[in-house]
Amino acid sequence: MTKPTIVLVHGGQHSKTCWNPTIAALLRLDSTVKILAVDLPGHGDEPGDLGTLTIAQCVDSVTRQILATNPERVVLVGHSMAGITIPGVAARLGAATVQRMMFLACCVPPNGQSVLDTLHPPMNIIASFEARRKKVSQPLPGFIARWVFGNGMTADQKQFVVESLCPESTVVTLEPVDRSDMPVVPMDWILTLRDRALKPVAQRQFIANLGGVDAVIPLDTCHDAMISEPLKLAELILKRC
């Protein structure tokens, strides 16, 4: 059987560069693995207006980038706020193409609610403050980013997090989600046990919002697991593939 393409979708205030440590680990474990890391509109190399960004635009962009590679099968791996994007991508691609979805510490609001409706402290305080003030928020200050995203990391890893952050849309955090057309495909959840951005109790609620997953896989690390534990994450992804 042909190996699926592993599609890596970043979360808020991140770009595809956040996956670089995990990509290196994946290739070290399997040099033949197919990997596609994507940028959402207005992030990294993908054009887009963060001030008017919508979930549909994110879905369109990711789907287009995937289809450009002409894959036979894909495994969708989303991190954090990618939880509002990859269900729509799966719907667009269909169950015949999507072999598996993997949610890494994702935000998954109930249908009809928004990201901002379901965040817990401290992220709801930060996000609400930014959403009231402007349509585009600037990256978190370094000391906050290190605490929220990188607790337990090495100094070099924390610096990589800070240097990788980018501006983010606040309007997309206010948009209600709709997963009514998400196909039935195998789903896994990687539960980051030391997460300060999306605490484990919140992640378990997000799993319930999905209607359950096939496997909950604990990982004893912080929110940005793709940077803090790239080898362990790569091993998990390849095993589930």
Protein backbone atom coordinates (compact mmCIF):
# COMPACT_ATOMS: atom_id res chain seq x y z
CA MET A 1 0.00 0.00 0.00
CA THR A 2 1.22 3.49 -0.86
CA LYS A 3 2.25 5.52 2.16
CA PRO A 4 -0.10 8.40 2.97
CA THR A 5 1.03 12.00 2.87
CA ILE A 6 1.29 13.40 6.38
CA VAL A 7 -0.23 16.89 6.27
CA LEU A 8 0.82 19.17 9.14
CA VAL A 9 -1.46 22.13 9.93
CA HIS A 10 -0.28 24.77 12.41
CA GLY A 11 -2.27 26.61 15.05
CA GLY A 12 -2.73 30.24 16.06
CA GLN A 13 0.24 32.63 16.01
CA HIS A 14 2.29 29.89 14.35
CA SER A 15 3.31 29.05 10.80
CA LYS A 16 4.48 25.85 9.17
CA THR A 17 8.02 26.48 10.47
CA CYS A 18 6.86 25.31 13.91
CA TRP A 19 6.81 21.77 12.46
CA ASN A 20 10.48 21.82 11.39
CA PRO A 21 11.77 19.83 14.39
CA THR A 22 9.08 17.17 13.91
CA ILE A 23 9.68 17.02 10.15
CA ALA A 24 13.37 16.39 10.80
CA ALA A 25 12.45 13.63 13.28
CA LEU A 26 10.00 12.03 10.84
CA LEU A 27 12.62 11.92 8.12
CA ARG A 28 15.19 10.54 10.53
CA LEU A 29 12.82 7.69 11.41
CA ASP A 30 11.66 7.07 7.84
CA SER A 31 13.49 8.76 4.97
CA THR A 32 10.72 7.77 2.53
CA VAL A 33 7.87 9.40 4.45
CA LYS A 34 5.75 11.93 2.53
CA ILE A 35 5.24 15.19 4.42
CA LEU A 36 3.40 18.39 3.59
CA ALA A 37 3.49 21.26 6.08
CA VAL A 38 1.09 24.05 5.10
CA ASP A 39 0.73 27.71 5.95
CA LEU A 40 -2.73 29.12 6.59
CA PRO A 41 -3.69 32.34 4.75
CA GLY A 42 -1.79 35.34 6.07
CA HIS A 43 0.80 33.12 7.75
CA GLY A 44 4.30 32.36 6.52
CA ASP A 45 4.37 32.04 2.73
CA GLU A 46 0.61 31.84 2.13
CA PRO A 47 -1.00 35.15 1.02
CA GLY A 48 -4.08 36.28 2.89
CA ASP A 49 -5.67 39.08 4.90
CA LEU A 50 -5.71 38.26 8.60
CA GLY A 51 -8.17 41.08 9.21
CA THR A 52 -10.88 39.34 7.19
CA LEU A 53 -9.81 35.71 7.59
CA THR A 54 -12.53 33.05 7.70
CA ILE A 55 -12.55 29.35 8.48
CA ALA A 56 -13.69 28.68 4.90
CA GLN A 57 -10.62 30.51 3.56
CA CYS A 58 -8.38 28.36 5.77
CA VAL A 59 -10.11 25.21 4.55
CA ASP A 60 -9.86 26.31 0.91
CA SER A 61 -6.16 27.12 1.26
CA VAL A 62 -5.18 23.87 2.97
CA THR A 63 -7.26 21.79 0.57
CA ARG A 64 -5.70 23.50 -2.44
CA GLN A 65 -2.18 22.95 -1.12
CA ILE A 66 -2.92 19.27 -0.51
CA LEU A 67 -4.52 18.65 -3.89
CA ALA A 68 -1.55 20.31 -5.62
CA THR A 69 0.56 17.34 -4.48
CA ASN A 70 -1.93 14.86 -6.02
CA PRO A 71 -1.96 12.53 -2.98
CA GLU A 72 -3.62 9.14 -2.93
CA ARG A 73 -4.24 9.19 0.83
CA VAL A 74 -3.51 11.72 3.58
CA VAL A 75 -3.22 11.81 7.34
CA LEU A 76 -4.29 15.21 8.66
CA VAL A 77 -2.37 16.35 11.74
CA GLY A 78 -3.63 19.58 13.27
CA HIS A 79 -2.29 21.55 16.22
CA SER A 80 -4.23 23.86 18.51
CA MET A 81 -6.47 26.21 16.49
CA ALA A 82 -6.17 23.88 13.49
CA GLY A 83 -9.03 22.09 15.23
CA ILE A 84 -11.39 24.48 13.45
CA THR A 85 -9.76 23.88 10.06
CA ILE A 86 -9.00 20.19 9.57
CA PRO A 87 -12.61 18.98 9.92
CA GLY A 88 -13.53 21.14 6.93
CA VAL A 89 -10.51 19.90 5.00
CA ALA A 90 -11.56 16.32 5.70
CA ALA A 91 -15.04 17.14 4.43
CA ARG A 92 -13.63 18.59 1.22
CA LEU A 93 -11.26 15.67 0.59
CA GLY A 94 -13.66 12.94 1.68
CA ALA A 95 -13.23 9.66 3.54
CA ALA A 96 -11.76 7.99 0.46
CA THR A 97 -8.73 10.29 0.70
CA VAL A 98 -8.45 10.99 4.43
CA GLN A 99 -6.93 7.93 6.09
CA ARG A 100 -6.84 9.44 9.58
CA MET A 101 -7.17 12.70 11.48
CA MET A 102 -4.85 13.44 14.40
CA PHE A 103 -5.68 16.27 16.79
CA LEU A 104 -2.67 17.55 18.73
CA ALA A 105 -3.92 19.63 21.68
CA CYS A 106 -6.60 21.15 19.45
CA CYS A 107 -9.36 23.64 20.13
CA VAL A 108 -12.65 22.08 18.97
CA PRO A 109 -15.69 24.19 19.90
CA PRO A 110 -19.18 22.67 19.88
CA ASN A 111 -21.01 23.18 16.61
CA GLY A 112 -22.37 26.71 16.48
CA GLN A 113 -19.82 28.10 18.91
CA SER A 114 -16.50 29.83 18.35
CA VAL A 115 -12.94 29.40 19.57
CA LEU A 116 -13.37 32.36 21.89
CA ASP A 117 -16.50 30.81 23.43
CA THR A 118 -14.62 27.76 24.63
CA LEU A 119 -11.13 28.89 25.68
CA HIS A 120 -10.08 28.61 29.33
CA PRO A 121 -7.67 30.83 31.29
CA PRO A 122 -5.19 32.16 30.44
CA MET A 123 -5.90 31.98 26.70
CA ASN A 124 -9.49 33.25 26.94
CA ILE A 125 -8.28 36.37 28.74
CA ILE A 126 -5.56 37.02 26.19
CA ALA A 127 -7.76 36.26 23.17
CA SER A 128 -10.76 38.25 24.43
CA PHE A 129 -8.62 41.29 25.13
CA GLU A 130 -7.09 41.19 21.66
CA ALA A 131 -10.43 40.54 19.90
CA ARG A 132 -12.00 43.61 21.53
CA ARG A 133 -9.13 45.85 20.46
CA LYS A 134 -8.23 44.83 16.92
CA LYS A 135 -8.83 42.39 14.05
CA VAL A 136 -5.20 41.25 13.99
CA SER A 137 -3.19 40.54 17.11
CA GLN A 138 0.56 40.70 17.36
CA PRO A 139 2.59 37.72 18.62
CA LEU A 140 2.59 37.13 22.35
CA PRO A 141 5.45 38.80 24.21
CA GLY A 142 8.36 36.42 24.61
CA PHE A 143 8.00 35.86 28.35
CA ILE A 144 4.30 34.98 27.97
CA ALA A 145 4.90 32.73 24.96
CA ARG A 146 7.60 30.83 26.84
CA TRP A 147 5.22 30.29 29.77
CA VAL A 148 2.09 29.44 27.76
CA PHE A 149 3.54 27.41 24.88
CA GLY A 150 6.95 26.24 26.07
CA ASN A 151 6.96 25.24 29.74
CA GLY A 152 9.50 22.49 30.28
CA MET A 153 11.36 23.20 27.05
CA THR A 154 15.07 23.78 26.75
CA ALA A 155 16.23 27.38 26.39
CA ASP A 156 16.92 26.84 22.69
CA GLN A 157 13.47 25.37 22.13
CA LYS A 158 11.80 28.27 23.90
CA GLN A 159 13.74 30.71 21.75
CA PHE A 160 12.65 28.82 18.64
CA VAL A 161 9.02 29.18 19.75
CA VAL A 162 9.36 32.93 20.27
CA GLU A 163 11.14 33.47 16.96
CA SER A 164 8.54 31.39 15.10
CA LEU A 165 5.47 33.31 16.28
CA CYS A 166 3.56 35.56 13.88
CA PRO A 167 0.51 37.87 13.92
CA GLU A 168 -2.89 36.20 14.11
CA SER A 169 -6.48 36.91 13.09
CA THR A 170 -8.86 37.68 15.93
CA VAL A 171 -11.96 37.67 13.70
CA VAL A 172 -11.60 33.96 12.94
CA THR A 173 -11.71 33.21 16.68
CA LEU A 174 -15.21 34.76 16.77
CA GLU A 175 -16.64 32.69 13.91
CA PRO A 176 -19.01 29.80 14.81
CA VAL A 177 -17.83 26.40 13.60
CA ASP A 178 -19.82 23.87 11.58
CA ARG A 179 -18.70 20.24 11.44
CA SER A 180 -21.99 18.86 10.13
CA ASP A 181 -20.36 17.56 6.94
CA MET A 182 -17.22 16.08 8.53
CA PRO A 183 -16.78 12.50 7.23
CA VAL A 184 -16.48 9.47 9.46
CA VAL A 185 -12.76 8.63 9.50
CA PRO A 186 -10.43 7.27 12.21
CA MET A 187 -9.49 10.00 14.68
CA ASP A 188 -6.78 10.20 17.34
CA TRP A 189 -6.15 12.78 20.03
CA ILE A 190 -2.69 13.55 21.38
CA LEU A 191 -3.28 14.83 24.91
CA THR A 192 -0.52 17.16 26.10
CA LEU A 193 -0.43 16.61 29.84
CA ARG A 194 1.50 19.74 30.86
CA ASP A 195 -0.35 22.10 28.54
CA ARG A 196 -0.91 25.63 29.84
CA ALA A 197 -2.61 26.94 26.69
CA LEU A 198 -5.24 24.19 26.42
CA LYS A 199 -5.29 22.29 29.69
CA PRO A 200 -6.02 18.54 29.67
CA VAL A 201 -9.49 19.06 31.18
CA ALA A 202 -10.34 21.43 28.33
CA GLN A 203 -8.93 19.02 25.76
CA ARG A 204 -11.16 16.24 27.09
CA GLN A 205 -14.16 18.51 26.59
CA PHE A 206 -13.00 19.16 23.03
CA ILE A 207 -12.82 15.39 22.48
CA ALA A 208 -16.43 15.17 23.65
CA ASN A 209 -17.33 17.99 21.24
CA LEU A 210 -15.99 15.83 18.43
CA GLY A 211 -18.19 12.97 19.58
CA GLY A 212 -15.23 10.90 20.71
CA VAL A 213 -12.04 9.63 19.10
CA ASP A 214 -10.57 6.19 18.46
CA ALA A 215 -7.57 6.74 20.72
CA VAL A 216 -6.41 9.29 23.28
CA ILE A 217 -2.63 9.23 23.40
CA PRO A 218 -1.05 11.05 26.37
CA LEU A 219 2.17 12.95 25.83
CA ASP A 220 3.88 14.38 28.91
CA THR A 221 4.79 17.77 27.51
CA CYS A 222 3.66 21.34 26.90
CA HIS A 223 1.39 22.83 24.24
CA ASP A 224 3.98 23.06 21.45
CA ALA A 225 4.78 19.35 21.46
CA MET A 226 6.08 19.50 17.88
CA ILE A 227 8.98 21.57 19.25
CA SER A 228 9.41 20.17 22.77
CA GLU A 229 9.14 16.46 21.89
CA PRO A 230 9.59 16.14 18.13
CA LEU A 231 10.93 12.57 18.19
CA LYS A 232 8.16 11.22 20.43
CA LEU A 233 5.55 13.02 18.33
CA ALA A 234 7.07 11.70 15.10
CA GLU A 235 7.03 8.17 16.49
CA LEU A 236 3.34 8.54 17.40
CA ILE A 237 2.40 9.86 13.99
CA LEU A 238 4.23 7.11 12.12
CA LYS A 239 2.77 4.43 14.39
CA ARG A 240 -0.78 5.64 13.79
CA CYS A 241 -0.15 5.93 10.05
